[in-house]
């Protein structure tokens, strides 16, 4: 039993899906977060940060002493529709914020089927929208981050305007860091306006998508190719006519493939077709053409080692998003800058208490 401080005992909660053996907390303020992390750093206690639990399968995590839910830190602090910016707590659910923004025809441009994911979780995992080929990745949407470091320091990086060039880009560095640099407590994001016209067009062959200069997205799922269009109603109607496929109004986004094992295969965009041909029979997939990512699932890891070796030979990788890290290495070959990465993490989390083991190389 952890001898935790009395002043945080009232934060005890039950977090669905979290490790039962860990002490589970839900801080109600930034001050609570700093208290928990200072205590954890002093005592050397591992903390798993919990958003919606949707990205908890990455890496080889150390068994945590604390699981800290961000559910109470999800308030919208400031929304400036005219400036296309929003400041919101990291515990806010992506789908709920998107629903609010849709009332003013705006979007976060984050995962379309978020499955209860929080903003902080999506940013920490570095996951992006299916629209990233045209509207850029999550990293480019982050203008400012307020976070608490592993030893309880409150820091802020970036600025609440689009043109911000001062200081270090820590707010970009935390994207995809899996909480190793600190717990994101709030974030300022750049929004995108949502045009009135939209359509989803299913075509017979990928080559047919070439008649459109810049579609919103081109996705392939198990033999089906869909082109996603957005613009004025007249623009979308003209593009649908050129494509000539089966169309429906709106954007009908597919879900990521579900399975015992889930993967993200990353290759140069021109090699997506070859990558699909290398998947074992029975692997389900969602290919992002023009981006170079294939999200896949399978019921075993058979063939994954060969697929990873091929991808790594091209400068890509096969990342395990869900599976048994005891049977298969989640990340593959460590990055060239692993030592530098360790030194950076040590500056923000000297006792290495935040989400240890999540990053490549077991960092």
Protein backbone atom coordinates (compact mmCIF):
# COMPACT_ATOMS: atom_id res chain seq x y z
CA UNK A 1 0.00 0.00 0.00
CA UNK A 2 1.41 3.39 -1.02
CA UNK A 3 1.81 5.84 1.84
CA UNK A 4 0.49 8.77 -0.15
CA UNK A 5 0.08 12.32 1.23
CA UNK A 6 -3.12 13.05 3.11
CA UNK A 7 -3.87 16.14 1.03
CA UNK A 8 -4.38 14.06 -2.12
CA UNK A 9 -6.28 11.12 -0.57
CA UNK A 10 -9.66 12.57 -1.58
CA UNK A 11 -8.66 12.19 -5.24
CA UNK A 12 -9.01 8.39 -5.19
CA UNK A 13 -11.23 7.08 -8.01
CA UNK A 14 -11.89 3.96 -10.09
CA UNK A 15 -10.65 4.30 -13.67
CA UNK A 16 -12.21 1.78 -16.10
CA UNK A 17 -9.49 -0.12 -17.96
CA UNK A 18 -6.61 1.06 -15.79
CA UNK A 19 -4.30 -1.42 -14.00
CA UNK A 20 -6.11 -2.66 -10.87
CA UNK A 21 -2.89 -2.92 -8.88
CA UNK A 22 -2.12 0.79 -9.15
CA UNK A 23 -3.39 3.56 -6.90
CA UNK A 24 -5.87 5.53 -9.05
CA UNK A 25 -6.17 9.31 -8.84
CA UNK A 26 -8.13 12.03 -10.61
CA UNK A 27 -6.68 15.49 -9.86
CA UNK A 28 -9.17 18.35 -9.96
CA UNK A 29 -6.68 21.16 -10.53
CA UNK A 30 -3.23 21.86 -11.91
CA UNK A 31 -2.07 22.29 -8.33
CA UNK A 32 -3.15 18.72 -7.60
CA UNK A 33 -1.13 17.49 -10.58
CA UNK A 34 2.00 19.26 -9.36
CA UNK A 35 1.54 17.83 -5.84
CA UNK A 36 1.16 14.28 -7.12
CA UNK A 37 4.20 14.50 -9.39
CA UNK A 38 6.42 16.13 -6.79
CA UNK A 39 5.57 13.36 -4.36
CA UNK A 40 6.05 10.66 -7.02
CA UNK A 41 9.42 12.09 -8.04
CA UNK A 42 10.62 12.28 -4.43
CA UNK A 43 9.58 8.68 -3.74
CA UNK A 44 10.50 7.24 -7.16
CA UNK A 45 6.94 6.08 -7.90
CA UNK A 46 5.93 5.38 -11.51
CA UNK A 47 2.91 7.34 -12.80
CA UNK A 48 0.78 6.32 -15.78
CA UNK A 49 -1.15 9.29 -17.17
CA UNK A 50 -4.65 8.30 -18.29
CA UNK A 51 -6.81 10.15 -20.79
CA UNK A 52 -9.34 7.90 -22.48
CA UNK A 53 -7.12 4.81 -22.42
CA UNK A 54 -7.30 4.49 -26.22
CA UNK A 55 -3.51 4.68 -26.76
CA UNK A 56 -2.40 2.65 -23.74
CA UNK A 57 -1.11 -0.23 -25.90
CA UNK A 58 2.06 1.53 -27.09
CA UNK A 59 5.52 0.66 -25.82
CA UNK A 60 6.61 -1.57 -22.95
CA UNK A 61 5.26 0.31 -19.94
CA UNK A 62 6.55 -0.25 -16.43
CA UNK A 63 3.92 -1.38 -13.92
CA UNK A 64 2.70 1.94 -12.45
CA UNK A 65 2.28 2.85 -8.79
CA UNK A 66 -0.16 5.64 -9.66
CA UNK A 67 -2.62 5.94 -12.53
CA UNK A 68 -3.57 9.60 -12.89
CA UNK A 69 -6.78 10.31 -14.79
CA UNK A 70 -7.15 13.73 -16.43
CA UNK A 71 -10.95 13.55 -16.54
CA UNK A 72 -11.49 16.62 -14.34
CA UNK A 73 -9.13 18.85 -16.35
CA UNK A 74 -11.18 19.16 -19.52
CA UNK A 75 -12.76 22.61 -19.43
CA UNK A 76 -12.77 24.91 -22.46
CA UNK A 77 -10.77 27.87 -21.18
CA UNK A 78 -11.08 30.15 -24.19
CA UNK A 79 -12.49 29.82 -27.68
CA UNK A 80 -11.82 32.54 -30.25
CA UNK A 81 -13.86 31.58 -33.35
CA UNK A 82 -12.73 34.64 -35.30
CA UNK A 83 -9.06 33.89 -34.60
CA UNK A 84 -9.50 30.14 -35.18
CA UNK A 85 -7.95 29.19 -31.83
CA UNK A 86 -9.12 27.33 -28.74
CA UNK A 87 -7.57 26.80 -25.31
CA UNK A 88 -8.85 23.68 -23.58
CA UNK A 89 -7.92 21.31 -20.79
CA UNK A 90 -6.05 18.17 -21.78
CA UNK A 91 -8.74 15.92 -20.32
CA UNK A 92 -11.40 17.14 -22.75
CA UNK A 93 -12.77 14.45 -25.04
CA UNK A 94 -12.03 15.02 -28.72
CA UNK A 95 -15.54 14.15 -29.91
CA UNK A 96 -17.21 16.56 -27.49
CA UNK A 97 -14.99 19.48 -28.44
CA UNK A 98 -15.50 18.71 -32.14
CA UNK A 99 -19.28 18.72 -31.63
CA UNK A 100 -19.07 22.15 -30.03
CA UNK A 101 -16.84 23.55 -32.79
CA UNK A 102 -19.13 22.17 -35.51
CA UNK A 103 -21.75 24.71 -34.45
CA UNK A 104 -19.47 27.38 -35.92
CA UNK A 105 -18.24 25.24 -38.83
CA UNK A 106 -14.79 24.69 -37.31
CA UNK A 107 -12.71 21.62 -36.50
CA UNK A 108 -9.72 20.52 -34.42
CA UNK A 109 -8.63 18.25 -37.31
CA UNK A 110 -7.97 15.37 -34.95
CA UNK A 111 -8.92 11.68 -35.26
CA UNK A 112 -12.39 11.41 -36.76
CA UNK A 113 -13.33 8.31 -34.75
CA UNK A 114 -11.72 9.15 -31.44
CA UNK A 115 -13.42 6.42 -29.34
CA UNK A 116 -13.37 8.52 -26.18
CA UNK A 117 -9.80 9.78 -26.61
CA UNK A 118 -8.83 13.01 -24.90
CA UNK A 119 -6.95 15.92 -26.44
CA UNK A 120 -3.97 15.33 -24.17
CA UNK A 121 -3.88 11.64 -25.07
CA UNK A 122 -4.01 12.27 -28.80
CA UNK A 123 -1.23 14.86 -28.58
CA UNK A 124 0.95 12.72 -26.31
CA UNK A 125 0.58 9.73 -28.66
CA UNK A 126 1.21 11.87 -31.75
CA UNK A 127 -1.87 10.50 -33.52
CA UNK A 128 -3.24 12.52 -36.44
CA UNK A 129 -6.40 12.89 -38.46
CA UNK A 130 -7.15 10.96 -41.64
CA UNK A 131 -7.16 14.43 -43.24
CA UNK A 132 -3.48 15.06 -42.46
CA UNK A 133 -2.42 14.75 -46.11
CA UNK A 134 -4.13 18.06 -46.83
CA UNK A 135 -4.69 19.70 -43.44
CA UNK A 136 -1.41 18.62 -41.77
CA UNK A 137 -0.65 16.55 -38.69
CA UNK A 138 -1.55 17.14 -35.04
CA UNK A 139 1.91 18.55 -34.40
CA UNK A 140 1.20 21.50 -36.70
CA UNK A 141 -2.03 22.32 -34.86
CA UNK A 142 -0.42 22.85 -31.44
CA UNK A 143 0.27 26.52 -30.70
CA UNK A 144 0.84 26.40 -26.95
CA UNK A 145 1.13 23.77 -24.23
CA UNK A 146 0.98 24.13 -20.46
CA UNK A 147 2.37 21.08 -18.70
CA UNK A 148 3.73 19.79 -15.40
CA UNK A 149 7.15 18.12 -15.55
CA UNK A 150 7.94 14.82 -13.85
CA UNK A 151 9.32 16.63 -10.81
CA UNK A 152 6.33 18.96 -10.51
CA UNK A 153 7.41 22.13 -12.33
CA UNK A 154 4.71 24.04 -14.21
CA UNK A 155 5.95 25.27 -17.61
CA UNK A 156 4.42 26.82 -20.70
CA UNK A 157 5.70 26.80 -24.27
CA UNK A 158 4.44 28.51 -27.41
CA UNK A 159 1.88 31.29 -27.76
CA UNK A 160 -1.79 31.79 -28.45
CA UNK A 161 -1.28 33.25 -31.89
CA UNK A 162 -0.51 31.46 -35.15
CA UNK A 163 2.66 33.48 -35.87
CA UNK A 164 4.80 32.67 -32.84
CA UNK A 165 8.57 32.34 -33.21
CA UNK A 166 9.99 33.08 -29.75
CA UNK A 167 11.44 30.53 -27.36
CA UNK A 168 12.04 26.82 -27.71
CA UNK A 169 9.46 24.61 -29.41
CA UNK A 170 8.78 22.43 -26.37
CA UNK A 171 5.09 22.52 -27.30
CA UNK A 172 5.97 20.66 -30.50
CA UNK A 173 8.40 18.32 -28.75
CA UNK A 174 5.70 16.94 -26.44
CA UNK A 175 3.68 15.71 -29.44
CA UNK A 176 4.38 11.97 -29.62
CA UNK A 177 6.49 11.99 -26.43
CA UNK A 178 3.94 9.81 -24.58
CA UNK A 179 4.09 12.05 -21.53
CA UNK A 180 7.81 11.54 -20.98
CA UNK A 181 8.46 15.29 -20.80
CA UNK A 182 5.48 16.18 -18.65
CA UNK A 183 1.75 15.94 -18.13
CA UNK A 184 -0.11 18.20 -20.53
CA UNK A 185 -2.75 20.11 -18.53
CA UNK A 186 -3.98 22.51 -21.21
CA UNK A 187 -3.32 23.24 -24.86
CA UNK A 188 -3.99 26.00 -27.39
CA UNK A 189 -4.84 24.61 -30.82
CA UNK A 190 -5.15 26.11 -34.26
CA UNK A 191 -8.57 25.38 -35.74
CA UNK A 192 -9.64 24.92 -39.35
CA UNK A 193 -12.84 26.22 -40.91
CA UNK A 194 -15.16 23.54 -42.27
CA UNK A 195 -16.48 24.23 -45.80
CA UNK A 196 -20.18 23.69 -46.46
CA UNK A 197 -19.75 21.09 -49.21
CA UNK A 198 -18.48 17.55 -48.63
CA UNK A 199 -18.78 14.15 -50.30
CA UNK A 200 -17.38 10.62 -50.10
CA UNK A 201 -16.78 8.93 -53.45
CA UNK A 202 -15.99 5.24 -53.88
CA UNK A 203 -13.99 4.47 -57.01
CA UNK A 204 -12.90 1.21 -58.62
CA UNK A 205 -9.17 1.91 -58.91
CA UNK A 206 -6.70 4.10 -57.04
CA UNK A 207 -5.48 5.65 -60.29
CA UNK A 208 -8.89 7.26 -60.70
CA UNK A 209 -8.21 9.56 -57.75
CA UNK A 210 -5.57 11.35 -59.84
CA UNK A 211 -8.18 13.49 -61.57
CA UNK A 212 -8.52 15.52 -58.34
CA UNK A 213 -5.63 17.86 -57.57
CA UNK A 214 -5.91 17.97 -53.77
CA UNK A 215 -8.59 15.72 -52.29
CA UNK A 216 -9.16 15.91 -48.56
CA UNK A 217 -8.08 12.28 -48.24
CA UNK A 218 -7.70 9.07 -50.26
CA UNK A 219 -8.22 5.91 -48.22
CA UNK A 220 -8.11 2.24 -49.12
CA UNK A 221 -9.68 -0.48 -47.00
CA UNK A 222 -9.54 -4.15 -48.07
CA UNK A 223 -10.06 -3.47 -51.77
CA UNK A 224 -12.30 -0.41 -51.47
CA UNK A 225 -10.88 3.01 -52.45
CA UNK A 226 -12.64 6.13 -51.23
CA UNK A 227 -11.91 9.74 -52.09
CA UNK A 228 -12.99 12.42 -49.61
CA UNK A 229 -13.87 15.86 -50.93
CA UNK A 230 -14.55 19.18 -49.22
CA UNK A 231 -15.07 22.72 -50.47
CA UNK A 232 -17.93 24.83 -51.70
CA UNK A 233 -20.97 22.88 -52.82
CA UNK A 234 -20.21 23.78 -56.46
CA UNK A 235 -16.58 22.68 -56.17
CA UNK A 236 -17.53 19.36 -54.59
CA UNK A 237 -20.23 18.70 -57.22
CA UNK A 238 -17.71 19.30 -60.02
CA UNK A 239 -15.13 16.98 -58.41
CA UNK A 240 -17.71 14.24 -57.91
CA UNK A 241 -18.60 14.49 -61.59
CA UNK A 242 -14.93 14.13 -62.61
CA UNK A 243 -14.38 11.10 -60.38
CA UNK A 244 -17.46 9.36 -61.71
CA UNK A 245 -17.74 6.89 -58.83
CA UNK A 246 -20.47 6.06 -56.35
CA UNK A 247 -20.92 9.11 -54.14
CA UNK A 248 -22.74 10.09 -51.00
CA UNK A 249 -23.00 13.48 -49.29
CA UNK A 250 -20.84 14.12 -46.23
CA UNK A 251 -17.67 12.44 -45.00
CA UNK A 252 -18.12 8.77 -44.10
CA UNK A 253 -14.91 8.02 -42.23
CA UNK A 254 -13.87 4.39 -41.62
CA UNK A 255 -12.74 3.14 -38.23
CA UNK A 256 -9.25 1.82 -37.65
CA UNK A 257 -9.11 -1.98 -38.02
CA UNK A 258 -9.75 -3.86 -34.77
CA UNK A 259 -7.87 -6.99 -33.76
CA UNK A 260 -5.75 -8.71 -31.14
CA UNK A 261 -2.70 -7.02 -32.65
CA UNK A 262 -2.83 -3.49 -34.07
CA UNK A 263 -0.12 -1.87 -36.17
CA UNK A 264 0.99 1.34 -37.82
CA UNK A 265 3.15 0.64 -40.88
CA UNK A 266 5.02 3.76 -42.05
CA UNK A 267 6.71 3.88 -45.46
CA UNK A 268 7.40 6.44 -48.19
CA UNK A 269 4.01 7.41 -49.71
CA UNK A 270 4.91 6.05 -53.16
CA UNK A 271 5.40 2.57 -51.64
CA UNK A 272 1.99 2.20 -49.97
CA UNK A 273 0.83 -0.12 -52.77
CA UNK A 274 3.85 -2.39 -52.38
CA UNK A 275 3.41 -2.37 -48.60
CA UNK A 276 -0.18 -3.55 -48.96
CA UNK A 277 0.98 -6.40 -51.19
CA UNK A 278 3.34 -7.53 -48.41
CA UNK A 279 0.63 -7.88 -45.75
CA UNK A 280 -0.16 -11.44 -44.75
CA UNK A 281 -3.58 -12.86 -45.70
CA UNK A 282 -6.07 -12.07 -42.97
CA UNK A 283 -4.52 -8.72 -42.03
CA UNK A 284 -7.14 -5.96 -42.16
CA UNK A 285 -5.98 -2.50 -43.13
CA UNK A 286 -6.70 1.18 -43.64
CA UNK A 287 -4.18 2.78 -46.01
CA UNK A 288 -3.65 6.54 -46.11
CA UNK A 289 -2.51 7.24 -49.65
CA UNK A 290 -0.36 10.33 -50.03
CA UNK A 291 0.67 10.09 -46.37
CA UNK A 292 2.53 6.78 -46.21
CA UNK A 293 0.77 5.15 -43.28
CA UNK A 294 -1.13 1.87 -43.16
CA UNK A 295 -3.13 1.15 -40.02
CA UNK A 296 -3.58 -2.60 -39.76
CA UNK A 297 -4.76 -5.36 -37.44
CA UNK A 298 -4.21 -9.09 -37.20
CA UNK A 299 -4.86 -12.02 -34.90
CA UNK A 300 -1.18 -12.93 -34.61
CA UNK A 301 2.21 -11.33 -35.19
CA UNK A 302 3.16 -13.81 -37.91
CA UNK A 303 4.96 -11.99 -40.70
CA UNK A 304 5.44 -8.82 -38.69
CA UNK A 305 9.22 -9.23 -38.36
CA UNK A 306 9.72 -9.52 -42.13
CA UNK A 307 7.42 -6.57 -42.72
CA UNK A 308 9.34 -4.46 -40.21
CA UNK A 309 12.71 -5.39 -41.73
CA UNK A 310 11.49 -4.34 -45.17
CA UNK A 311 10.07 -1.05 -43.87
CA UNK A 312 13.20 -0.21 -41.89
CA UNK A 313 15.37 -0.84 -44.97
CA UNK A 314 13.45 2.05 -46.60
CA UNK A 315 13.66 4.42 -43.65
CA UNK A 316 10.19 3.47 -42.38
CA UNK A 317 8.98 1.30 -39.53
CA UNK A 318 6.30 -1.02 -38.22
CA UNK A 319 4.98 0.17 -34.85
CA UNK A 320 2.94 -2.12 -32.63
CA UNK A 321 0.01 -0.09 -31.27
CA UNK A 322 -1.57 -3.00 -29.40
CA UNK A 323 -0.25 -6.49 -28.66
CA UNK A 324 2.07 -8.47 -26.42
CA UNK A 325 5.35 -6.61 -25.96
CA UNK A 326 6.81 -9.79 -24.49
CA UNK A 327 6.43 -11.52 -27.86
CA UNK A 328 7.23 -8.65 -30.21
CA UNK A 329 9.24 -5.45 -29.81
CA UNK A 330 6.76 -2.56 -30.03
CA UNK A 331 9.09 -0.09 -31.79
CA UNK A 332 11.84 -1.96 -33.62
CA UNK A 333 15.25 -0.45 -34.26
CA UNK A 334 15.95 2.37 -31.75
CA UNK A 335 16.23 5.86 -33.25
CA UNK A 336 19.67 7.29 -34.04
CA UNK A 337 19.24 10.04 -31.44
CA UNK A 338 18.33 7.71 -28.56
CA UNK A 339 21.07 9.04 -26.24
CA UNK A 340 19.99 12.62 -26.92
CA UNK A 341 16.40 11.61 -26.26
CA UNK A 342 17.37 10.14 -22.90
CA UNK A 343 19.18 13.35 -21.91
CA UNK A 344 16.22 15.52 -22.86
CA UNK A 345 13.81 13.33 -20.90
CA UNK A 346 16.14 13.47 -17.88
CA UNK A 347 15.93 17.28 -17.87
CA UNK A 348 12.13 17.18 -17.56
CA UNK A 349 11.70 14.01 -15.52
CA UNK A 350 14.89 13.42 -13.48
CA UNK A 351 13.47 10.46 -11.52
CA UNK A 352 11.82 9.02 -14.67
CA UNK A 353 8.39 8.56 -13.11
CA UNK A 354 6.13 9.60 -16.00
CA UNK A 355 4.96 6.77 -18.29
CA UNK A 356 8.35 4.96 -18.10
CA UNK A 357 8.96 2.40 -20.83
CA UNK A 358 6.60 3.88 -23.41
CA UNK A 359 9.21 5.33 -25.75
CA UNK A 360 11.53 3.48 -28.18
CA UNK A 361 14.53 1.92 -26.47
CA UNK A 362 12.53 1.43 -23.29
CA UNK A 363 12.92 5.09 -22.28
